[in-house]
Amino acid sequence: MSLVTASVYKEKANSAYLSGDLAGALSIAKKAVVAHTQDAQLYNFMGCMLGASSLPHQAFRVFELAVRLSPLDSHSISNFGLAALSLGASDTAKTGLERGFVFCPGEALILNALGMVHARLHASSTAVEHFRRSLEVTRELQEANSNLSGSLNEIGSYDDALEYSARALVFKPDSFEPLNNRALSFRGLGMIAAGSSVAARAEALAPFDWRAANTRSVLCSESGRFEEALVGYRRALCLSPDSVEARSNKGFMELIHRNYRSGWRDYHYRWQVPQFNSLGKRFFSKPCLQPGDSITGKVILVHHEQGIGDTIQFCRYISLFRKSGARVILLVPKSLKRLFKAQEAFGQVISIGEPDPAFDMHCPFMSLPVVFGTTLESIPFSREQFLRPISSDVVHWKEYLNREFMRHGSDGAQLRVGLVWSGGSRPDEPETWAANQRRNVPLLLLSAALDLPGIDFVSLQKGEPAESEFRGREGAYWKVGRVFNAAADLKDFADTAGLIANLDLVISVDTSTAHLAAAMGKPTWILNRYDTCWRWLLDREDSPWYASVRLYRQGADRDWNAVLKRVTADLIKTRDLN
């Protein structure tokens, strides 16, 4: 009789749940566990109802009871782990699931839940392994297919991610999670239009999930629809005010719209985004410098954070510390060390990999605008040179270029133009490489447009695969004009600065060499992709950061030919005036 009554309770509670009566289902489940205190399945169902009712702490306690009553029930074990995970107790979830897996080896639900724990801990490769093992047991587990697609995105395996999100959608076509994952996979593959379409569908299914608004806004941004992206990020924050990812993304959009105060403030939240990968996180045992902090007599470690171009752009702030009474130590990539050590205002410079120095506070280069309250009108050294080459390098490269161009038939009187057409590959940063591919100009297009007589071109191109593509094949690309490939002899940015000092102009995509040339005050023409970086703002040909920069922007058609046509016309005028 007791078992029949328990079955009736389960049937009634499930019927209420399926009809949308969540409160009724929970009420029946509570009555059921009072009547049947040893029925683990009833406790498990009640825990699910509590979780669906946004009562995660109560759900966790009930799932804990279910596991005690039935230690071999994979549903109770996996739900206990996921409930702990929802409360932020990743270690508790991991321990409970691993203990349960000992009793229930090969259970798909537990493997899937363990994968979710590792995904939350940002151990994406381990998460992928668990999700795959789960699907080896039960290929039809929709959630594991969806979860696997998300973790594959995290490690940059976008094609595989698309396959598993498609499998998940076979089982549940109108499911937000796999659609959201699918949109991000398309983004990673550079298929922005396809990603935008899927993201819109995902948002229609989950209009109150901040992730939907965030994903669609990311794709709007990369489509050049910046107003729409900003509105979307603001909506994501309204839906989830504590989302550091949405706030950080919104910061980028505020910056591109010239809203510097709110933009810098919001972008500083990047440090709280778990996926944000930066060496600076290891310094967080010490205070991070904030606006208004008293730093007299303090030692401040200012450290490299993301791209080398960013560090070059923001090193302009270092001399502003002089009046504060603080001592500054710079931590930079080895390729910048020699150049930065030669700057009078920079003080002590160490490179990444050297022992960490003693310091009182730290600050990433990209947070210096926050510290100094930067607005568009107060950018320091925006109209003047703030990086200087080493004089001995300037002499060396002058002799070097004269010798090489004379060997190639130049009399040395021609216009000298440095070229960079590609950002380097970053295999450990798949999303960055996807953006790089949009900002890179195919060498064949560039050379066809700029193969002009009366100009001595110098390749400053470093980084693979572009450097290898050009090496030894210079004559195949420049048939009319002259080009010299200096890349092999550029050992660091001090070398590059010495060479640039002997040029008349640098033409470059948005990469570190463009920042270096502009910081030196050298005329710099930047070939700028349509979905522009925040620092170049919108609808202008000049830059508030560098007086010597001229921007050549792609149109909405993303056609580099049209950009290069304008560059070629201006270059011919410049050559003829030389």
Protein backbone atom coordinates (compact mmCIF):
# COMPACT_ATOMS: atom_id res chain seq x y z
CA MET A 1 0.00 0.00 0.00
CA SER A 2 2.78 2.38 0.90
CA LEU A 3 4.55 1.91 -2.46
CA VAL A 4 1.31 2.49 -4.38
CA THR A 5 0.71 5.70 -2.43
CA ALA A 6 4.25 6.89 -3.20
CA SER A 7 3.67 6.19 -6.89
CA VAL A 8 0.45 8.17 -6.79
CA TYR A 9 2.25 11.10 -5.19
CA LYS A 10 4.92 11.00 -7.91
CA GLU A 11 2.32 10.82 -10.67
CA LYS A 12 0.32 13.74 -9.27
CA ALA A 13 3.41 15.90 -8.64
CA ASN A 14 4.79 15.20 -12.10
CA SER A 15 1.43 15.94 -13.70
CA ALA A 16 1.27 19.29 -11.90
CA TYR A 17 4.81 20.13 -12.99
CA LEU A 18 4.17 19.25 -16.63
CA SER A 19 1.03 21.40 -16.65
CA GLY A 20 3.08 24.38 -15.42
CA ASP A 21 1.85 24.32 -11.83
CA LEU A 22 5.27 24.46 -10.16
CA ALA A 23 3.87 25.55 -6.77
CA GLY A 24 1.39 22.68 -6.84
CA ALA A 25 4.07 20.16 -7.75
CA LEU A 26 6.27 21.37 -4.91
CA SER A 27 3.36 21.20 -2.44
CA ILE A 28 2.61 17.60 -3.44
CA ALA A 29 6.30 16.67 -3.21
CA LYS A 30 6.52 18.08 0.32
CA LYS A 31 3.50 16.04 1.41
CA ALA A 32 5.01 12.96 -0.22
CA VAL A 33 8.29 13.10 1.70
CA VAL A 34 6.40 13.58 4.96
CA ALA A 35 4.47 10.40 4.25
CA HIS A 36 7.45 8.49 2.86
CA THR A 37 10.53 9.63 4.72
CA GLN A 38 12.79 6.91 3.25
CA ASP A 39 11.93 7.30 -0.44
CA ALA A 40 15.01 8.79 -2.13
CA GLN A 41 13.22 9.30 -5.45
CA LEU A 42 10.65 11.53 -3.78
CA TYR A 43 13.39 13.60 -2.17
CA ASN A 44 15.12 13.84 -5.51
CA PHE A 45 11.93 15.06 -7.19
CA MET A 46 11.34 17.56 -4.39
CA GLY A 47 14.89 18.86 -4.79
CA CYS A 48 14.25 19.41 -8.50
CA MET A 49 11.09 21.35 -7.70
CA LEU A 50 12.94 23.48 -5.14
CA GLY A 51 15.66 24.22 -7.68
CA ALA A 52 13.07 25.16 -10.30
CA SER A 53 11.48 27.43 -7.68
CA SER A 54 14.77 29.35 -7.25
CA LEU A 55 15.39 27.88 -3.80
CA PRO A 56 18.91 26.50 -4.36
CA HIS A 57 19.96 26.16 -0.71
CA GLN A 58 16.87 24.13 0.16
CA ALA A 59 17.33 22.04 -2.99
CA PHE A 60 20.93 21.26 -2.02
CA ARG A 61 19.91 20.04 1.44
CA VAL A 62 17.16 17.84 0.00
CA PHE A 63 19.47 16.31 -2.63
CA GLU A 64 21.95 15.63 0.18
CA LEU A 65 19.25 13.64 1.99
CA ALA A 66 18.41 11.76 -1.23
CA VAL A 67 22.05 10.68 -1.64
CA ARG A 68 22.22 9.50 1.97
CA LEU A 69 19.09 7.41 1.46
CA SER A 70 20.27 5.99 -1.88
CA PRO A 71 24.07 6.30 -2.40
CA LEU A 72 23.85 4.34 -5.68
CA ASP A 73 21.20 6.50 -7.37
CA SER A 74 22.95 8.39 -10.20
CA HIS A 75 20.12 10.94 -10.50
CA SER A 76 20.44 11.97 -6.86
CA ILE A 77 24.25 12.02 -7.02
CA SER A 78 24.37 14.18 -10.15
CA ASN A 79 21.65 16.53 -8.87
CA PHE A 80 23.50 16.91 -5.56
CA GLY A 81 26.66 17.88 -7.44
CA LEU A 82 24.87 20.35 -9.69
CA ALA A 83 23.05 21.90 -6.72
CA ALA A 84 26.38 22.43 -4.96
CA LEU A 85 27.76 23.91 -8.17
CA SER A 86 24.83 26.35 -8.40
CA LEU A 87 25.77 27.61 -4.93
CA GLY A 88 29.36 28.19 -5.99
CA ALA A 89 30.62 25.21 -3.95
CA SER A 90 32.71 23.69 -6.75
CA ASP A 91 34.93 21.67 -4.41
CA THR A 92 31.92 20.17 -2.62
CA ALA A 93 30.35 19.31 -5.97
CA LYS A 94 33.55 17.72 -7.28
CA THR A 95 34.13 15.68 -4.11
CA GLY A 96 30.53 14.44 -3.97
CA LEU A 97 30.42 13.49 -7.64
CA GLU A 98 33.78 11.73 -7.57
CA ARG A 99 32.70 9.76 -4.49
CA GLY A 100 29.44 8.87 -6.25
CA PHE A 101 31.34 7.80 -9.36
CA VAL A 102 33.23 5.24 -7.28
CA PHE A 103 29.87 3.59 -6.45
CA CYS A 104 28.39 4.14 -9.93
CA PRO A 105 31.25 3.89 -12.46
CA GLY A 106 30.30 4.66 -16.03
CA GLU A 107 27.12 6.53 -15.15
CA ALA A 108 26.49 9.12 -17.89
CA LEU A 109 24.67 11.56 -15.62
CA ILE A 110 27.54 11.69 -13.13
CA LEU A 111 30.15 12.04 -15.88
CA ASN A 112 28.15 14.92 -17.35
CA ALA A 113 27.88 16.60 -13.95
CA LEU A 114 31.64 16.18 -13.37
CA GLY A 115 32.22 17.80 -16.75
CA MET A 116 30.09 20.75 -15.68
CA VAL A 117 32.15 21.13 -12.50
CA HIS A 118 35.41 21.17 -14.46
CA ALA A 119 33.89 23.64 -16.94
CA ARG A 120 33.01 25.93 -14.03
CA LEU A 121 36.60 25.58 -12.77
CA HIS A 122 37.78 26.56 -16.29
CA ALA A 123 39.52 23.23 -16.79
CA SER A 124 37.99 23.03 -20.27
CA SER A 125 40.09 20.14 -21.59
CA THR A 126 39.17 18.00 -18.58
CA ALA A 127 35.52 19.01 -18.99
CA VAL A 128 35.64 17.90 -22.64
CA GLU A 129 37.02 14.52 -21.57
CA HIS A 130 34.17 13.96 -19.08
CA PHE A 131 31.47 15.04 -21.54
CA ARG A 132 32.88 12.70 -24.20
CA ARG A 133 32.92 9.81 -21.74
CA SER A 134 29.33 10.59 -20.80
CA LEU A 135 28.30 10.44 -24.46
CA GLU A 136 30.14 7.15 -24.94
CA VAL A 137 27.70 5.73 -22.40
CA THR A 138 24.58 7.54 -23.69
CA ARG A 139 24.87 9.35 -27.03
CA GLU A 140 21.32 10.69 -26.65
CA LEU A 141 22.04 12.72 -23.50
CA GLN A 142 21.04 16.16 -24.81
CA GLU A 143 22.64 18.12 -22.00
CA ALA A 144 26.02 16.41 -22.43
CA ASN A 145 26.02 17.19 -26.18
CA SER A 146 25.24 20.82 -25.42
CA ASN A 147 27.81 21.04 -22.62
CA LEU A 148 30.47 19.48 -24.81
CA SER A 149 29.85 22.08 -27.51
CA GLY A 150 30.36 24.85 -24.94
CA SER A 151 33.64 23.43 -23.64
CA LEU A 152 34.91 22.80 -27.18
CA ASN A 153 34.30 26.49 -27.85
CA GLU A 154 36.47 27.32 -24.84
CA ILE A 155 39.45 25.44 -26.30
CA GLY A 156 38.92 26.81 -29.81
CA SER A 157 37.59 23.59 -31.42
CA TYR A 158 34.78 25.44 -33.13
CA ASP A 159 34.02 22.92 -35.91
CA ASP A 160 33.60 20.10 -33.39
CA ALA A 161 31.54 22.40 -31.18
CA LEU A 162 29.12 22.99 -34.07
CA GLU A 163 28.72 19.24 -34.52
CA TYR A 164 27.73 18.65 -30.89
CA SER A 165 25.42 21.67 -30.63
CA ALA A 166 23.65 20.32 -33.74
CA ARG A 167 23.28 16.92 -32.03
CA ALA A 168 21.84 18.59 -28.93
CA LEU A 169 19.31 20.47 -31.06
CA VAL A 170 18.12 17.22 -32.66
CA PHE A 171 16.85 16.12 -29.25
CA LYS A 172 15.51 19.54 -28.25
CA PRO A 173 15.26 21.99 -31.18
CA ASP A 174 14.18 25.01 -29.12
CA SER A 175 16.91 24.81 -26.49
CA PHE A 176 18.75 27.99 -25.53
CA GLU A 177 22.08 26.50 -24.38
CA PRO A 178 23.11 24.72 -27.61
CA LEU A 179 21.87 27.65 -29.70
CA ASN A 180 23.95 30.08 -27.66
CA ASN A 181 26.97 27.77 -27.97
CA ARG A 182 26.35 27.48 -31.70
CA ALA A 183 26.32 31.26 -32.12
CA LEU A 184 29.69 31.47 -30.35
CA SER A 185 31.09 28.67 -32.53
CA PHE A 186 30.16 30.60 -35.67
CA ARG A 187 31.80 33.66 -34.16
CA GLY A 188 35.01 31.71 -33.54
CA LEU A 189 35.03 30.56 -37.16
CA GLY A 190 34.58 34.13 -38.38
CA MET A 191 31.05 33.38 -39.66
CA ILE A 192 29.58 36.48 -38.07
CA ALA A 193 26.34 36.65 -40.08
CA ALA A 194 25.50 33.02 -39.29
CA GLY A 195 26.35 33.57 -35.63
CA SER A 196 24.17 36.69 -35.46
CA SER A 197 21.20 34.82 -36.90
CA VAL A 198 21.53 31.98 -34.38
CA ALA A 199 22.10 34.42 -31.50
CA ALA A 200 18.87 36.25 -32.37
CA ARG A 201 17.00 32.94 -32.29
CA ALA A 202 18.57 32.06 -28.92
CA GLU A 203 17.59 35.43 -27.45
CA ALA A 204 14.02 34.99 -28.66
CA LEU A 205 13.89 31.74 -26.68
CA ALA A 206 15.45 33.22 -23.54
CA PRO A 207 14.73 36.97 -23.57
CA PHE A 208 15.46 37.33 -19.85
CA ASP A 209 18.78 35.45 -19.83
CA TRP A 210 21.67 37.94 -19.74
CA ARG A 211 23.86 35.51 -21.69
CA ALA A 212 21.53 35.76 -24.68
CA ALA A 213 21.81 39.55 -24.76
CA ASN A 214 25.56 39.37 -24.19
CA THR A 215 26.21 36.88 -27.01
CA ARG A 216 24.08 38.79 -29.49
CA SER A 217 25.87 42.01 -28.52
CA VAL A 218 29.29 40.44 -29.06
CA LEU A 219 28.23 39.48 -32.57
CA CYS A 220 26.68 42.91 -33.18
CA SER A 221 30.02 44.46 -32.23
CA GLU A 222 31.91 42.22 -34.62
CA SER A 223 29.38 43.09 -37.32
CA GLY A 224 30.15 46.78 -36.81
CA ARG A 225 26.69 47.41 -35.29
CA PHE A 226 28.13 49.24 -32.30
CA GLU A 227 25.02 51.15 -31.20
CA GLU A 228 23.03 47.93 -31.13
CA ALA A 229 25.85 46.22 -29.21
CA LEU A 230 25.93 48.93 -26.55
CA VAL A 231 22.16 48.73 -26.08
CA GLY A 232 22.46 44.95 -25.79
CA TYR A 233 25.20 45.07 -23.16
CA ARG A 234 23.19 47.56 -21.14
CA ARG A 235 20.22 45.19 -21.33
CA ALA A 236 22.42 42.25 -20.23
CA LEU A 237 23.46 44.27 -17.17
CA CYS A 238 19.86 45.12 -16.35
CA LEU A 239 19.07 41.40 -16.43
CA SER A 240 22.15 40.48 -14.38
CA PRO A 241 23.75 43.48 -12.64
CA ASP A 242 26.50 41.27 -11.19
CA SER A 243 27.68 39.93 -14.56
CA VAL A 244 31.31 41.03 -14.80
CA GLU A 245 31.56 39.72 -18.36
CA ALA A 246 28.68 41.89 -19.58
CA ARG A 247 30.05 44.89 -17.66
CA SER A 248 33.54 44.45 -19.10
CA ASN A 249 32.12 44.11 -22.63
CA LYS A 250 29.98 47.18 -22.06
CA GLY A 251 33.15 49.04 -21.07
CA PHE A 252 34.62 48.37 -24.51
CA MET A 253 31.49 49.68 -26.19
CA GLU A 254 31.38 52.81 -23.99
CA LEU A 255 34.98 53.55 -24.99
CA ILE A 256 34.28 53.23 -28.70
CA HIS A 257 31.38 55.66 -28.21
CA ARG A 258 33.72 58.20 -26.55
CA ASN A 259 32.22 57.62 -23.08
CA TYR A 260 35.62 57.35 -21.41
CA ARG A 261 34.70 57.77 -17.75
CA SER A 262 32.11 54.98 -17.68
CA GLY A 263 34.06 52.96 -20.23
CA TRP A 264 37.30 52.76 -18.23
CA ARG A 265 35.36 52.06 -15.04
CA ASP A 266 33.43 49.18 -16.57
CA TYR A 267 36.37 47.74 -18.49
CA HIS A 268 38.31 47.38 -15.25
CA TYR A 269 35.89 44.56 -14.38
CA ARG A 270 37.72 42.35 -16.91
CA TRP A 271 39.89 41.20 -14.00
CA GLN A 272 36.88 39.52 -12.42
CA VAL A 273 35.98 37.56 -15.57
CA PRO A 274 37.16 34.00 -14.85
CA GLN A 275 38.13 33.35 -18.49
CA PHE A 276 40.28 36.49 -18.62
CA ASN A 277 43.79 35.15 -18.99
CA SER A 278 46.50 37.52 -17.86
CA LEU A 279 49.76 37.15 -15.98
CA GLY A 280 48.68 40.13 -13.86
CA LYS A 281 46.30 37.93 -11.83
CA ARG A 282 49.25 36.51 -9.94
CA PHE A 283 49.89 39.93 -8.40
CA PHE A 284 46.46 40.18 -6.79
CA SER A 285 47.80 39.33 -3.35
CA LYS A 286 48.86 43.00 -3.31
CA PRO A 287 46.49 45.97 -3.76
CA CYS A 288 45.70 47.10 -7.29
CA LEU A 289 46.27 50.84 -7.70
CA GLN A 290 43.01 52.80 -7.68
CA PRO A 291 42.20 56.44 -8.47
CA GLY A 292 43.00 58.66 -5.51
CA ASP A 293 45.31 56.18 -3.74
CA SER A 294 48.17 57.76 -1.80
CA ILE A 295 51.37 56.42 -3.36
CA THR A 296 54.04 58.68 -1.91
CA GLY A 297 57.01 56.51 -0.99
CA LYS A 298 55.36 53.39 -2.45
CA VAL A 299 56.79 50.99 -5.04
CA ILE A 300 54.31 50.46 -7.90
CA LEU A 301 54.65 47.49 -10.25
CA VAL A 302 53.14 48.40 -13.63
CA HIS A 303 52.81 45.22 -15.64
CA HIS A 304 52.09 44.02 -19.15
CA GLU A 305 48.62 42.57 -19.52
CA GLN A 306 47.41 41.75 -23.02
CA GLY A 307 48.94 42.75 -26.36
CA ILE A 308 52.32 44.42 -26.85
CA GLY A 309 50.57 47.23 -28.71
CA ASP A 310 48.53 47.96 -25.60
CA THR A 311 51.66 48.19 -23.46
CA ILE A 312 53.26 50.57 -25.96
CA GLN A 313 50.14 52.73 -26.15
CA PHE A 314 49.81 53.10 -22.37
CA CYS A 315 53.48 53.46 -21.45
CA ARG A 316 52.89 57.20 -22.01
CA TYR A 317 51.51 57.34 -18.46
CA ILE A 318 54.72 56.24 -16.72
CA SER A 319 56.32 59.69 -16.65
CA LEU A 320 53.21 61.02 -14.85
CA PHE A 321 54.26 59.11 -11.74
CA ARG A 322 57.33 61.35 -11.33
CA LYS A 323 55.45 64.02 -9.36
CA SER A 324 53.80 61.49 -7.06
CA GLY A 325 56.83 60.47 -5.02
CA ALA A 326 56.35 56.83 -5.98
CA ARG A 327 58.93 54.51 -7.51
CA VAL A 328 57.75 52.58 -10.55
CA ILE A 329 58.95 49.19 -11.79
CA LEU A 330 57.85 48.07 -15.25
CA LEU A 331 57.27 44.40 -16.06
CA VAL A 332 57.15 43.89 -19.83
CA PRO A 333 57.76 41.21 -22.47
CA LYS A 334 61.43 40.59 -23.18
CA SER A 335 61.05 42.05 -26.67
CA LEU A 336 60.28 45.48 -25.10
CA LYS A 337 62.85 45.48 -22.31
CA ARG A 338 65.83 47.03 -24.11
CA LEU A 339 63.74 49.84 -25.62
CA PHE A 340 61.95 50.64 -22.37
CA LYS A 341 65.16 50.60 -20.33
CA ALA A 342 66.51 53.31 -22.63
CA GLN A 343 63.64 55.69 -21.81
CA GLU A 344 64.79 58.24 -19.24
CA ALA A 345 61.43 58.46 -17.45
CA PHE A 346 60.81 54.72 -17.11
CA GLY A 347 63.19 53.78 -14.28
CA GLN A 348 63.58 50.08 -13.50
CA VAL A 349 62.43 47.67 -16.21
CA ILE A 350 62.31 43.89 -15.89
CA SER A 351 61.05 41.29 -18.33
CA ILE A 352 58.50 38.53 -17.91
CA GLY A 353 60.20 35.44 -16.58
CA GLU A 354 62.60 37.29 -14.28
CA PRO A 355 62.04 36.99 -10.50
CA ASP A 356 59.21 39.20 -9.29
CA PRO A 357 60.48 42.31 -7.49
CA ALA A 358 59.30 43.56 -4.10
CA PHE A 359 56.48 46.09 -4.50
CA ASP A 360 53.63 47.65 -2.55
CA MET A 361 50.93 47.99 -5.21
CA HIS A 362 50.45 46.87 -8.79
CA CYS A 363 48.67 48.23 -11.85
CA PRO A 364 48.20 46.78 -15.34
CA PHE A 365 49.20 49.12 -18.17
CA MET A 366 45.62 49.11 -19.46
CA SER A 367 44.27 50.36 -16.13
CA LEU A 368 46.46 53.46 -16.10
CA PRO A 369 43.76 55.53 -17.85
CA VAL A 370 41.42 54.71 -14.94
CA VAL A 371 44.02 55.74 -12.36
CA PHE A 372 44.67 59.06 -14.08
CA GLY A 373 41.01 59.80 -14.89
CA THR A 374 41.57 59.96 -18.64
CA THR A 375 39.03 61.60 -20.90
CA LEU A 376 39.32 62.24 -24.63
CA GLU A 377 40.49 65.75 -23.81
CA SER A 378 43.12 64.73 -21.27
CA ILE A 379 45.05 61.95 -23.03
CA PRO A 380 48.71 62.57 -22.11
CA PHE A 381 51.29 63.05 -24.90
CA SER A 382 48.56 62.77 -27.52
CA ARG A 383 50.22 65.38 -29.74
CA GLU A 384 53.87 64.51 -29.18
CA GLN A 385 56.41 61.73 -29.28
CA PHE A 386 56.70 59.69 -26.06
CA LEU A 387 59.00 56.84 -27.11
CA ARG A 388 62.50 57.46 -28.42
CA PRO A 389 64.76 55.03 -30.24
CA ILE A 390 68.23 54.22 -28.96
CA SER A 391 70.67 56.51 -30.79
CA SER A 392 73.19 53.74 -31.52
CA ASP A 393 70.40 51.65 -33.07
CA VAL A 394 69.37 54.57 -35.27
CA VAL A 395 72.93 54.84 -36.60
CA HIS A 396 73.20 51.08 -37.09
CA TRP A 397 69.97 50.84 -39.06
CA LYS A 398 70.77 53.88 -41.17
CA GLU A 399 73.98 52.23 -42.34
CA TYR A 400 72.19 48.91 -42.73
CA LEU A 401 69.40 50.31 -44.93
CA ASN A 402 71.76 52.42 -47.04
CA ARG A 403 73.90 49.37 -47.69
CA GLU A 404 71.02 47.07 -48.53
CA PHE A 405 69.15 49.48 -50.79
CA MET A 406 72.32 50.42 -52.65
CA ARG A 407 72.81 46.72 -53.23
CA HIS A 408 69.31 46.62 -54.71
CA GLY A 409 69.92 49.61 -56.99
CA SER A 410 68.51 52.47 -54.92
CA ASP A 411 70.30 55.79 -54.66
CA GLY A 412 68.82 56.34 -51.20
CA ALA A 413 66.76 59.37 -52.20
CA GLN A 414 63.45 57.56 -52.57
CA LEU A 415 60.61 57.59 -50.07
CA ARG A 416 61.17 54.84 -47.50
CA VAL A 417 58.03 53.06 -46.31
CA GLY A 418 57.73 50.30 -43.70
CA LEU A 419 55.03 47.65 -44.10
CA VAL A 420 53.14 45.32 -41.76
CA TRP A 421 50.13 43.39 -43.05
CA SER A 422 49.42 40.75 -40.42
CA GLY A 423 49.16 40.24 -36.68
CA GLY A 424 50.96 37.16 -35.39
CA SER A 425 49.18 33.88 -34.73
CA ARG A 426 48.10 33.21 -31.12
CA PRO A 427 47.22 29.49 -30.95
CA ASP A 428 46.51 29.75 -27.22
CA GLU A 429 44.01 32.58 -27.82
CA PRO A 430 41.57 31.34 -30.50
CA GLU A 431 39.23 34.33 -30.17
CA THR A 432 42.13 36.76 -30.61
CA TRP A 433 43.29 34.93 -33.70
CA ALA A 434 39.76 35.14 -35.14
CA ALA A 435 39.91 38.95 -34.73
CA ASN A 436 43.44 38.94 -36.20
CA GLN A 437 42.18 37.24 -39.32
CA ARG A 438 39.66 40.04 -39.81
CA ARG A 439 42.29 42.74 -39.35
CA ASN A 440 44.97 41.13 -41.54
CA VAL A 441 45.40 42.15 -45.17
CA PRO A 442 46.29 39.35 -47.62
CA LEU A 443 49.86 39.88 -48.81
CA LEU A 444 48.87 39.35 -52.43
CA LEU A 445 46.35 42.22 -52.24
CA LEU A 446 48.80 44.52 -50.45
CA SER A 447 51.68 43.90 -52.84
CA ALA A 448 49.48 44.24 -55.94
CA ALA A 449 48.34 47.67 -54.72
CA LEU A 450 51.70 48.95 -53.48
CA ASP A 451 54.09 47.58 -56.10
CA LEU A 452 55.08 51.10 -57.12
CA PRO A 453 58.27 52.56 -58.60
CA GLY A 454 60.18 55.32 -56.82
CA ILE A 455 59.60 53.96 -53.31
CA ASP A 456 61.88 51.83 -51.15
CA PHE A 457 59.65 49.49 -49.15
CA VAL A 458 60.85 47.74 -45.99
CA SER A 459 59.04 44.75 -44.53
CA LEU A 460 58.73 45.06 -40.76
CA GLN A 461 56.49 41.99 -40.68
CA LYS A 462 57.17 39.73 -37.71
CA GLY A 463 55.12 36.76 -36.58
CA GLU A 464 53.96 33.56 -38.19
CA PRO A 465 52.62 32.54 -40.60
CA ALA A 466 53.04 35.88 -42.42
CA GLU A 467 56.80 36.15 -41.89
CA SER A 468 57.51 32.75 -43.49
CA GLU A 469 55.07 33.42 -46.30
CA PHE A 470 57.17 36.40 -47.43
CA ARG A 471 60.70 35.19 -46.67
CA GLY A 472 62.60 34.32 -49.85
CA ARG A 473 59.68 35.29 -52.11
CA GLU A 474 60.02 39.07 -52.02
CA GLY A 475 60.58 39.32 -55.78
CA ALA A 476 57.42 37.34 -56.48
CA TYR A 477 55.35 40.01 -54.77
CA TRP A 478 57.20 43.22 -55.75
CA LYS A 479 57.95 43.10 -59.46
CA VAL A 480 58.06 46.84 -60.31
CA GLY A 481 59.13 48.49 -57.07
CA ARG A 482 61.80 47.61 -54.53
CA VAL A 483 61.21 45.86 -51.22
CA PHE A 484 63.70 44.81 -48.60
CA ASN A 485 62.76 42.26 -45.96
CA ALA A 486 64.35 43.28 -42.66
CA ALA A 487 62.34 40.90 -40.46
CA ALA A 488 65.10 38.36 -39.83
CA ASP A 489 67.38 41.04 -38.36
CA LEU A 490 64.78 42.60 -36.07
CA LYS A 491 65.54 40.92 -32.74
CA ASP A 492 63.42 43.15 -30.50
CA PHE A 493 61.40 46.37 -30.52
CA ALA A 494 64.52 48.46 -29.93
CA ASP A 495 65.74 47.22 -33.33
CA THR A 496 62.36 47.98 -34.88
CA ALA A 497 62.38 51.49 -33.39
CA GLY A 498 65.91 52.12 -34.74
CA LEU A 499 64.80 51.05 -38.20
CA ILE A 500 61.55 53.05 -38.11
CA ALA A 501 63.55 56.17 -37.22
CA ASN A 502 65.15 55.85 -40.68
CA LEU A 503 61.84 55.58 -42.54
CA ASP A 504 59.54 58.29 -43.84
CA LEU A 505 56.28 56.44 -43.25
CA VAL A 506 54.87 53.21 -41.82
CA ILE A 507 51.80 51.52 -43.31
CA SER A 508 50.42 48.83 -41.03
CA VAL A 509 47.40 46.93 -39.88
CA ASP A 510 46.35 47.53 -36.27
CA THR A 511 49.26 45.84 -34.53
CA SER A 512 52.16 46.57 -32.17
CA THR A 513 54.43 48.02 -34.85
CA ALA A 514 51.80 50.61 -35.71
CA HIS A 515 51.70 51.66 -32.06
CA LEU A 516 55.49 51.84 -31.92
CA ALA A 517 55.74 54.02 -35.02
CA ALA A 518 52.97 56.31 -33.79
CA ALA A 519 54.50 56.58 -30.30
CA MET A 520 57.71 57.74 -31.99
CA GLY A 521 55.79 60.42 -33.86
CA LYS A 522 56.43 58.77 -37.23
CA PRO A 523 53.69 59.23 -39.85
CA THR A 524 51.65 56.03 -39.53
CA TRP A 525 48.85 54.91 -41.81
CA ILE A 526 46.72 52.24 -40.17
CA LEU A 527 44.65 49.85 -42.30
CA ASN A 528 41.64 49.48 -40.01
CA ARG A 529 39.06 46.69 -40.14
CA TYR A 530 35.35 47.53 -40.24
CA ASP A 531 34.64 46.14 -36.74
CA THR A 532 37.20 48.54 -35.37
CA CYS A 533 39.03 48.38 -32.06
CA TRP A 534 37.66 50.73 -29.37
CA ARG A 535 40.76 52.97 -29.44
CA TRP A 536 40.15 54.21 -32.99
CA LEU A 537 36.59 55.38 -32.21
CA LEU A 538 34.10 55.77 -35.07
CA ASP A 539 33.86 57.81 -38.25
CA ARG A 540 37.18 59.65 -38.08
CA GLU A 541 40.48 59.46 -39.94
CA ASP A 542 42.68 60.76 -37.14
CA SER A 543 43.35 59.45 -33.63
CA PRO A 544 43.03 61.18 -30.26
CA TRP A 545 45.91 59.00 -29.04
CA TYR A 546 48.52 59.75 -31.72
CA ALA A 547 48.96 62.93 -33.72
CA SER A 548 50.82 61.14 -36.53
CA VAL A 549 48.18 58.46 -37.24
CA ARG A 550 45.93 58.42 -40.27
CA LEU A 551 43.17 55.78 -40.35
CA TYR A 552 42.05 54.01 -43.51
CA ARG A 553 38.82 52.22 -42.60
CA GLN A 554 37.06 49.36 -44.31
CA GLY A 555 33.47 49.93 -45.35
CA ALA A 556 30.60 47.69 -44.35
CA ASP A 557 31.50 45.42 -47.27
CA ARG A 558 34.87 44.71 -45.54
CA ASP A 559 36.63 45.19 -48.87
CA TRP A 560 40.37 45.71 -48.46
CA ASN A 561 40.68 46.59 -52.17
CA ALA A 562 38.79 49.83 -51.63
CA VAL A 563 41.01 50.67 -48.63
CA LEU A 564 44.21 49.95 -50.57
CA LYS A 565 43.00 52.03 -53.50
CA ARG A 566 42.82 55.09 -51.21
CA VAL A 567 46.18 54.26 -49.62
CA THR A 568 47.83 53.90 -53.04
CA ALA A 569 46.49 57.24 -54.24
CA ASP A 570 47.76 59.01 -51.12
CA LEU A 571 51.09 57.19 -51.31
CA ILE A 572 51.64 58.30 -54.90
CA LYS A 573 50.96 61.90 -53.86
CA THR A 574 53.40 61.57 -50.96
CA ARG A 575 56.06 60.05 -53.23
CA ASP A 576 55.68 62.80 -55.79
CA LEU A 577 56.12 65.46 -53.11
CA ASN A 578 59.23 63.78 -51.70
